[in-house]
Amino acid sequence: MAAHAAVPARRQFSTHGWALPVIVGISYGLYAPVILRDGGPLAWSQFWVGLISAVVLAVAIHSLHRYGRRLRRELRAVAWGALAGIAIGFLVGLSGHSVLYSSTVGLIVAGVTTAFAYYSFYTHEDAAGRPAPY
């Protein structure tokens, strides 16, 4: 008698990887309109800036966390640094500072984040990019 073929199990949708990106996105999305309104009443345009920035940042963090392992550690560190630099530079730009100042702050944050991310990836992975066995 031949055994029947097992039906492949459907992969369940998991929210495991969404918790941190959603928390960071909500925090960022609540902070952006506060900077933009500068003590005045909340307007719809400020609400939309906060909502869109929260969704974009949450999706970017989730995507980089989920698919970033496909990149080499150097490129992954640069991607995390670019994401942090863009996010902070955008917030500084909303506060009314010049483009030069917000770009400078964003580049400094990007450089520091890239250095720390590279150090973390370098010390916690082997040469092939797999997590260290310890």
Protein backbone atom coordinates (compact mmCIF):
# COMPACT_ATOMS: atom_id res chain seq x y z
CA MET A 1 0.00 0.00 0.00
CA ALA A 2 1.23 3.42 -0.86
CA ALA A 3 1.12 6.17 1.67
CA HIS A 4 -0.63 9.35 0.73
CA ALA A 5 1.35 12.49 0.26
CA ALA A 6 1.20 14.90 3.12
CA VAL A 7 -0.42 18.20 2.40
CA PRO A 8 2.11 20.96 2.94
CA ALA A 9 1.25 23.06 5.93
CA ARG A 10 0.42 26.67 5.28
CA ARG A 11 2.76 29.10 6.89
CA GLN A 12 0.90 31.09 9.48
CA PHE A 13 1.14 34.85 9.47
CA SER A 14 3.37 35.91 12.32
CA THR A 15 3.44 39.32 13.94
CA HIS A 16 6.70 38.52 15.71
CA GLY A 17 8.80 40.75 13.50
CA TRP A 18 6.42 43.70 13.60
CA ALA A 19 6.42 44.58 17.33
CA LEU A 20 9.56 46.75 17.47
CA PRO A 21 9.04 48.48 14.09
CA VAL A 22 5.47 49.38 15.03
CA ILE A 23 6.49 50.76 18.44
CA VAL A 24 9.31 52.82 16.92
CA GLY A 25 7.05 53.97 14.06
CA ILE A 26 4.28 55.06 16.42
CA SER A 27 6.73 56.95 18.62
CA TYR A 28 8.27 58.64 15.59
CA GLY A 29 4.87 59.41 14.11
CA LEU A 30 3.68 61.00 17.35
CA TYR A 31 6.84 63.07 17.73
CA ALA A 32 6.96 64.47 14.17
CA PRO A 33 3.70 66.50 14.42
CA VAL A 34 4.70 67.80 17.85
CA ILE A 35 7.86 69.28 16.34
CA LEU A 36 5.99 70.59 13.31
CA ARG A 37 3.17 72.32 15.17
CA ASP A 38 5.55 74.34 17.40
CA GLY A 39 3.03 74.91 20.20
CA GLY A 40 0.07 75.74 17.98
CA PRO A 41 -3.08 73.73 17.38
CA LEU A 42 -2.91 70.42 15.58
CA ALA A 43 -3.85 70.63 11.89
CA TRP A 44 -4.72 67.89 9.43
CA SER A 45 -1.50 68.43 7.51
CA GLN A 46 0.51 67.72 10.66
CA PHE A 47 -1.57 64.61 11.33
CA TRP A 48 -0.82 63.29 7.85
CA VAL A 49 2.90 64.05 8.19
CA GLY A 50 2.97 62.04 11.41
CA LEU A 51 0.96 59.14 9.99
CA ILE A 52 2.92 58.85 6.78
CA SER A 53 6.29 59.16 8.52
CA ALA A 54 5.27 56.51 11.07
CA VAL A 55 4.21 54.03 8.39
CA VAL A 56 7.29 54.65 6.22
CA LEU A 57 9.70 54.24 9.13
CA ALA A 58 7.98 51.11 10.46
CA VAL A 59 7.96 49.44 7.04
CA ALA A 60 11.60 50.43 6.43
CA ILE A 61 12.75 49.03 9.78
CA HIS A 62 10.78 45.81 9.27
CA SER A 63 12.09 45.35 5.73
CA LEU A 64 15.68 46.00 6.70
CA HIS A 65 15.43 43.70 9.69
CA ARG A 66 13.79 40.92 7.69
CA TYR A 67 15.69 41.09 4.41
CA GLY A 68 18.91 42.77 5.56
CA ARG A 69 20.66 39.44 6.18
CA ARG A 70 20.90 38.99 2.43
CA LEU A 71 23.33 41.90 2.32
CA ARG A 72 26.97 41.70 3.31
CA ARG A 73 27.66 43.08 6.76
CA GLU A 74 29.23 46.28 5.39
CA LEU A 75 26.24 47.11 3.22
CA ARG A 76 23.82 46.17 5.97
CA ALA A 77 25.59 48.51 8.40
CA VAL A 78 25.47 51.31 5.81
CA ALA A 79 21.74 50.64 5.27
CA TRP A 80 21.01 50.90 9.01
CA GLY A 81 23.12 54.04 9.21
CA ALA A 82 21.35 55.61 6.25
CA LEU A 83 17.95 54.81 7.75
CA ALA A 84 18.89 56.37 11.10
CA GLY A 85 20.48 59.41 9.47
CA ILE A 86 17.51 60.07 7.22
CA ALA A 87 15.05 59.69 10.09
CA ILE A 88 16.91 62.05 12.42
CA GLY A 89 17.71 64.52 9.63
CA PHE A 90 14.01 64.65 8.76
CA LEU A 91 13.06 65.42 12.36
CA VAL A 92 15.71 68.14 12.60
CA GLY A 93 14.45 69.57 9.31
CA LEU A 94 10.90 69.70 10.68
CA SER A 95 12.09 71.78 13.62
CA GLY A 96 12.86 74.73 11.34
CA HIS A 97 16.64 74.50 11.14
CA SER A 98 18.43 75.03 7.85
CA VAL A 99 18.95 72.28 5.33
CA LEU A 100 22.69 72.41 5.92
CA TYR A 101 22.31 71.90 9.66
CA SER A 102 19.77 69.06 9.32
CA SER A 103 21.95 67.36 6.69
CA THR A 104 25.00 67.67 8.92
CA VAL A 105 23.20 66.18 11.91
CA GLY A 106 21.81 63.40 9.70
CA LEU A 107 25.27 62.58 8.33
CA ILE A 108 26.79 62.50 11.82
CA VAL A 109 24.04 60.18 13.07
CA ALA A 110 24.41 58.00 9.96
CA GLY A 111 28.17 57.71 10.43
CA VAL A 112 27.95 56.82 14.12
CA THR A 113 25.13 54.33 13.52
CA THR A 114 27.04 52.72 10.65
CA ALA A 115 30.14 52.32 12.83
CA PHE A 116 28.22 50.77 15.71
CA ALA A 117 26.17 48.50 13.43
CA TYR A 118 29.29 47.28 11.64
CA TYR A 119 31.01 46.57 14.93
CA SER A 120 27.97 44.67 16.16
CA PHE A 121 27.68 42.63 12.96
CA TYR A 122 31.43 41.96 12.85
CA THR A 123 31.59 40.68 16.42
CA HIS A 124 28.42 38.58 16.26
CA GLU A 125 28.88 36.82 12.89
CA ASP A 126 31.44 34.50 11.39
CA ALA A 127 33.18 35.21 8.08
CA ALA A 128 30.28 33.79 6.05
CA GLY A 129 27.71 36.03 7.74
CA ARG A 130 26.11 33.35 9.89
CA PRO A 131 25.45 34.10 13.56
CA ALA A 132 28.35 33.17 15.82
CA PRO A 133 27.99 29.80 17.59
CA TYR A 134 28.36 31.20 21.11
